Amino acid sequence: MKNKTDTQIDLAGMCQKEHPGCIVCSKTNKHGLKLSFRVSEPGAIEAEFELDEIFQGYSDMLHGGITCTLLDEAMCQCLFSVGITAVTVELATRFAHPVLPKVKGMIRAKIIKVHSPLYFLEAKILQNEKVLVTAKGKFCIKRTDS
């Protein structure tokens, strides 16, 4: 089993290789969010965020599409952390409370179940230690042929 440091290096390498221009994680996308994900435990990741008002829908609420993007990316990053490249097949999101702009938050994701080539994950967004939005996702290993 790899230690957390080795896994973190792998996660950064996977991001660069698989998502070089990603709107969420790329460090070179000039319009991107530039989030940095880290391994919190085997099969789980987390990232801090604080997004500006330009990402809101209704006043004082992040746009639901942006919120879903954060959750989807967290689950993808979770798979990267174990060396899996996969694409989203299903994403079910539950909005319990609005995610606020200009407030620090945390995204967490973890692998729940594996039936290769399918992977089942859960993710959540928290602000002020309160769970605001949860998601369940189903991912399939990315095909390399066109």
C-alpha atoms as a PDB file:
ATOM      1  CA  MET A   1       0.000   0.000   0.000  1.00  0.00           C
ATOM      2  CA  LYS A   2       1.285   3.434  -0.876  1.00  0.00           C
ATOM      3  CA  ASN A   3       1.686   5.987   1.848  1.00  0.00           C
ATOM      4  CA  LYS A   4      -0.238   9.288   1.794  1.00  0.00           C
ATOM      5  CA  THR A   5       2.723  11.209   0.321  1.00  0.00           C
ATOM      6  CA  ASP A   6       3.109   8.783  -2.595  1.00  0.00           C
ATOM      7  CA  THR A   7      -0.633   8.908  -3.240  1.00  0.00           C
ATOM      8  CA  GLN A   8      -0.599  12.705  -3.197  1.00  0.00           C
ATOM      9  CA  ILE A   9       2.174  12.738  -5.804  1.00  0.00           C
ATOM     10  CA  ASP A  10       0.157  10.313  -7.926  1.00  0.00           C
ATOM     11  CA  LEU A  11      -2.947  12.520  -7.605  1.00  0.00           C
ATOM     12  CA  ALA A  12      -1.069  15.591  -8.861  1.00  0.00           C
ATOM     13  CA  GLY A  13       0.392  13.550 -11.721  1.00  0.00           C
ATOM     14  CA  MET A  14      -2.997  12.141 -12.696  1.00  0.00           C
ATOM     15  CA  CYS A  15      -4.485  15.643 -12.731  1.00  0.00           C
ATOM     16  CA  GLN A  16      -1.748  16.951 -14.997  1.00  0.00           C
ATOM     17  CA  LYS A  17      -1.970  13.947 -17.318  1.00  0.00           C
ATOM     18  CA  GLU A  18      -5.745  13.517 -17.504  1.00  0.00           C
ATOM     19  CA  HIS A  19      -7.105  17.047 -16.823  1.00  0.00           C
ATOM     20  CA  PRO A  20      -4.490  19.501 -18.121  1.00  0.00           C
ATOM     21  CA  GLY A  21      -7.095  22.167 -18.947  1.00  0.00           C
ATOM     22  CA  CYS A  22      -9.766  21.320 -16.365  1.00  0.00           C
ATOM     23  CA  ILE A  23     -11.948  24.236 -15.253  1.00  0.00           C
ATOM     24  CA  VAL A  24     -11.775  23.005 -11.641  1.00  0.00           C
ATOM     25  CA  CYS A  25      -8.288  21.592 -11.026  1.00  0.00           C
ATOM     26  CA  SER A  26      -5.948  22.887 -13.732  1.00  0.00           C
ATOM     27  CA  LYS A  27      -3.324  25.321 -12.520  1.00  0.00           C
ATOM     28  CA  THR A  28      -2.863  26.640 -16.077  1.00  0.00           C
ATOM     29  CA  ASN A  29      -6.498  27.316 -17.083  1.00  0.00           C
ATOM     30  CA  LYS A  30      -6.684  31.119 -16.765  1.00  0.00           C
ATOM     31  CA  HIS A  31     -10.459  30.959 -16.172  1.00  0.00           C
ATOM     32  CA  GLY A  32     -10.281  27.956 -13.840  1.00  0.00           C
ATOM     33  CA  LEU A  33     -10.893  27.558 -10.123  1.00  0.00           C
ATOM     34  CA  LYS A  34      -7.430  26.029  -9.517  1.00  0.00           C
ATOM     35  CA  LEU A  35      -8.615  23.842  -6.640  1.00  0.00           C
ATOM     36  CA  SER A  36      -6.033  21.585  -5.004  1.00  0.00           C
ATOM     37  CA  PHE A  37      -7.338  18.201  -3.940  1.00  0.00           C
ATOM     38  CA  ARG A  38      -5.569  16.083  -1.350  1.00  0.00           C
ATOM     39  CA  VAL A  39      -5.933  12.548  -0.120  1.00  0.00           C
ATOM     40  CA  SER A  40      -7.595  12.476   3.300  1.00  0.00           C
ATOM     41  CA  GLU A  41      -7.509   8.683   3.615  1.00  0.00           C
ATOM     42  CA  PRO A  42      -7.259   5.818   1.125  1.00  0.00           C
ATOM     43  CA  GLY A  43     -10.157   6.139  -1.318  1.00  0.00           C
ATOM     44  CA  ALA A  44     -11.124   9.623  -0.094  1.00  0.00           C
ATOM     45  CA  ILE A  45     -10.138  13.198  -0.994  1.00  0.00           C
ATOM     46  CA  GLU A  46     -10.907  16.735   0.055  1.00  0.00           C
ATOM     47  CA  ALA A  47     -10.331  20.287  -1.131  1.00  0.00           C
ATOM     48  CA  GLU A  48     -10.938  23.718   0.307  1.00  0.00           C
ATOM     49  CA  PHE A  49     -12.616  26.389  -1.793  1.00  0.00           C
ATOM     50  CA  GLU A  50     -13.853  29.945  -1.644  1.00  0.00           C
ATOM     51  CA  LEU A  51     -15.556  31.147  -4.806  1.00  0.00           C
ATOM     52  CA  ASP A  52     -16.306  34.688  -5.843  1.00  0.00           C
ATOM     53  CA  GLU A  53     -19.761  36.121  -6.571  1.00  0.00           C
ATOM     54  CA  ILE A  54     -19.193  35.689 -10.313  1.00  0.00           C
ATOM     55  CA  PHE A  55     -20.116  32.030  -9.747  1.00  0.00           C
ATOM     56  CA  GLN A  56     -23.507  32.752  -8.179  1.00  0.00           C
ATOM     57  CA  GLY A  57     -26.929  32.137  -9.693  1.00  0.00           C
ATOM     58  CA  TYR A  58     -29.398  33.735  -7.329  1.00  0.00           C
ATOM     59  CA  SER A  59     -27.981  36.487  -5.131  1.00  0.00           C
ATOM     60  CA  ASP A  60     -25.723  35.102  -2.398  1.00  0.00           C
ATOM     61  CA  MET A  61     -25.926  31.509  -3.704  1.00  0.00           C
ATOM     62  CA  LEU A  62     -23.441  29.624  -5.869  1.00  0.00           C
ATOM     63  CA  HIS A  63     -25.056  28.535  -9.114  1.00  0.00           C
ATOM     64  CA  GLY A  64     -26.343  24.959  -8.914  1.00  0.00           C
ATOM     65  CA  GLY A  65     -24.334  23.993 -11.997  1.00  0.00           C
ATOM     66  CA  ILE A  66     -21.124  25.230 -10.384  1.00  0.00           C
ATOM     67  CA  THR A  67     -21.994  23.312  -7.218  1.00  0.00           C
ATOM     68  CA  CYS A  68     -22.564  20.136  -9.249  1.00  0.00           C
ATOM     69  CA  THR A  69     -19.286  20.721 -11.077  1.00  0.00           C
ATOM     70  CA  LEU A  70     -17.422  20.860  -7.763  1.00  0.00           C
ATOM     71  CA  LEU A  71     -19.015  17.608  -6.572  1.00  0.00           C
ATOM     72  CA  ASP A  72     -18.418  15.821  -9.884  1.00  0.00           C
ATOM     73  CA  GLU A  73     -14.777  16.877  -9.941  1.00  0.00           C
ATOM     74  CA  ALA A  74     -14.257  15.775  -6.342  1.00  0.00           C
ATOM     75  CA  MET A  75     -15.486  12.284  -7.194  1.00  0.00           C
ATOM     76  CA  CYS A  76     -13.283  12.187 -10.297  1.00  0.00           C
ATOM     77  CA  GLN A  77     -10.288  13.286  -8.205  1.00  0.00           C
ATOM     78  CA  CYS A  78     -11.115  10.566  -5.707  1.00  0.00           C
ATOM     79  CA  LEU A  79     -10.745   7.992  -8.461  1.00  0.00           C
ATOM     80  CA  PHE A  80      -7.523   9.651  -9.647  1.00  0.00           C
ATOM     81  CA  SER A  81      -6.186   9.180  -6.114  1.00  0.00           C
ATOM     82  CA  VAL A  82      -6.330   5.402  -6.610  1.00  0.00           C
ATOM     83  CA  GLY A  83      -5.052   5.478 -10.199  1.00  0.00           C
ATOM     84  CA  ILE A  84      -8.433   5.203 -11.949  1.00  0.00           C
ATOM     85  CA  THR A  85      -9.422   7.384 -14.895  1.00  0.00           C
ATOM     86  CA  ALA A  86     -13.208   7.355 -15.284  1.00  0.00           C
ATOM     87  CA  VAL A  87     -16.053   9.449 -16.649  1.00  0.00           C
ATOM     88  CA  THR A  88     -19.365  10.328 -15.038  1.00  0.00           C
ATOM     89  CA  VAL A  89     -22.294   8.067 -15.909  1.00  0.00           C
ATOM     90  CA  GLU A  90     -24.808   9.353 -13.338  1.00  0.00           C
ATOM     91  CA  LEU A  91     -24.826  12.213 -10.854  1.00  0.00           C
ATOM     92  CA  ALA A  92     -27.627  12.676  -8.310  1.00  0.00           C
ATOM     93  CA  THR A  93     -27.415  15.826  -6.208  1.00  0.00           C
ATOM     94  CA  ARG A  94     -29.382  16.906  -3.149  1.00  0.00           C
ATOM     95  CA  PHE A  95     -29.348  20.585  -2.239  1.00  0.00           C
ATOM     96  CA  ALA A  96     -30.218  20.978   1.456  1.00  0.00           C
ATOM     97  CA  HIS A  97     -28.864  24.526   1.866  1.00  0.00           C
ATOM     98  CA  PRO A  98     -27.344  27.136  -0.438  1.00  0.00           C
ATOM     99  CA  VAL A  99     -23.584  27.253  -0.920  1.00  0.00           C
ATOM    100  CA  LEU A 100     -22.458  30.811  -0.265  1.00  0.00           C
ATOM    101  CA  PRO A 101     -19.958  32.776  -2.338  1.00  0.00           C
ATOM    102  CA  LYS A 102     -16.959  34.326  -0.574  1.00  0.00           C
ATOM    103  CA  VAL A 103     -17.243  31.838   2.315  1.00  0.00           C
ATOM    104  CA  LYS A 104     -14.589  29.143   2.807  1.00  0.00           C
ATOM    105  CA  GLY A 105     -15.873  25.648   2.284  1.00  0.00           C
ATOM    106  CA  MET A 106     -14.750  22.050   1.977  1.00  0.00           C
ATOM    107  CA  ILE A 107     -15.519  19.402  -0.633  1.00  0.00           C
ATOM    108  CA  ARG A 108     -15.112  15.760   0.355  1.00  0.00           C
ATOM    109  CA  ALA A 109     -15.549  12.608  -1.722  1.00  0.00           C
ATOM    110  CA  LYS A 110     -15.074   8.906  -1.159  1.00  0.00           C
ATOM    111  CA  ILE A 111     -15.390   5.641  -3.009  1.00  0.00           C
ATOM    112  CA  ILE A 112     -18.339   3.615  -1.726  1.00  0.00           C
ATOM    113  CA  LYS A 113     -18.449   0.533  -3.944  1.00  0.00           C
ATOM    114  CA  VAL A 114     -16.632  -0.958  -6.939  1.00  0.00           C
ATOM    115  CA  HIS A 115     -18.083  -3.244  -9.600  1.00  0.00           C
ATOM    116  CA  SER A 116     -15.473  -2.709 -12.296  1.00  0.00           C
ATOM    117  CA  PRO A 117     -15.809  -1.046 -14.729  1.00  0.00           C
ATOM    118  CA  LEU A 118     -18.266   0.909 -12.530  1.00  0.00           C
ATOM    119  CA  TYR A 119     -17.343   2.927  -9.447  1.00  0.00           C
ATOM    120  CA  PHE A 120     -19.860   4.360  -6.983  1.00  0.00           C
ATOM    121  CA  LEU A 121     -18.926   7.463  -5.013  1.00  0.00           C
ATOM    122  CA  GLU A 122     -20.380  10.003  -2.625  1.00  0.00           C
ATOM    123  CA  ALA A 123     -19.423  13.640  -2.187  1.00  0.00           C
ATOM    124  CA  LYS A 124     -20.479  16.568  -0.051  1.00  0.00           C
ATOM    125  CA  ILE A 125     -19.920  20.284   0.303  1.00  0.00           C
ATOM    126  CA  LEU A 126     -19.618  21.868   3.724  1.00  0.00           C
ATOM    127  CA  GLN A 127     -19.376  25.445   4.930  1.00  0.00           C
ATOM    128  CA  ASN A 128     -18.950  26.310   8.601  1.00  0.00           C
ATOM    129  CA  GLU A 129     -18.878  22.541   9.266  1.00  0.00           C
ATOM    130  CA  LYS A 130     -22.481  22.188   8.003  1.00  0.00           C
ATOM    131  CA  VAL A 131     -23.286  19.797   5.142  1.00  0.00           C
ATOM    132  CA  LEU A 132     -25.008  21.847   2.456  1.00  0.00           C
ATOM    133  CA  VAL A 133     -25.084  19.634  -0.616  1.00  0.00           C
ATOM    134  CA  THR A 134     -24.575  15.904  -1.146  1.00  0.00           C
ATOM    135  CA  ALA A 135     -24.144  13.857  -4.297  1.00  0.00           C
ATOM    136  CA  LYS A 136     -23.951  10.251  -5.388  1.00  0.00           C
ATOM    137  CA  GLY A 137     -22.152   9.417  -8.580  1.00  0.00           C
ATOM    138  CA  LYS A 138     -21.591   6.458 -10.817  1.00  0.00           C
ATOM    139  CA  PHE A 139     -18.420   6.470 -12.907  1.00  0.00           C
ATOM    140  CA  CYS A 140     -17.199   4.147 -15.658  1.00  0.00           C
ATOM    141  CA  ILE A 141     -13.592   3.510 -16.589  1.00  0.00           C
ATOM    142  CA  LYS A 142     -12.648   5.858 -19.437  1.00  0.00           C
ATOM    143  CA  ARG A 143     -12.171   4.098 -22.732  1.00  0.00           C
ATOM    144  CA  THR A 144      -8.945   4.867 -24.518  1.00  0.00           C
ATOM    145  CA  ASP A 145     -10.234   4.151 -28.044  1.00  0.00           C
ATOM    146  CA  SER A 146     -12.120   6.840 -29.940  1.00  0.00           C
END
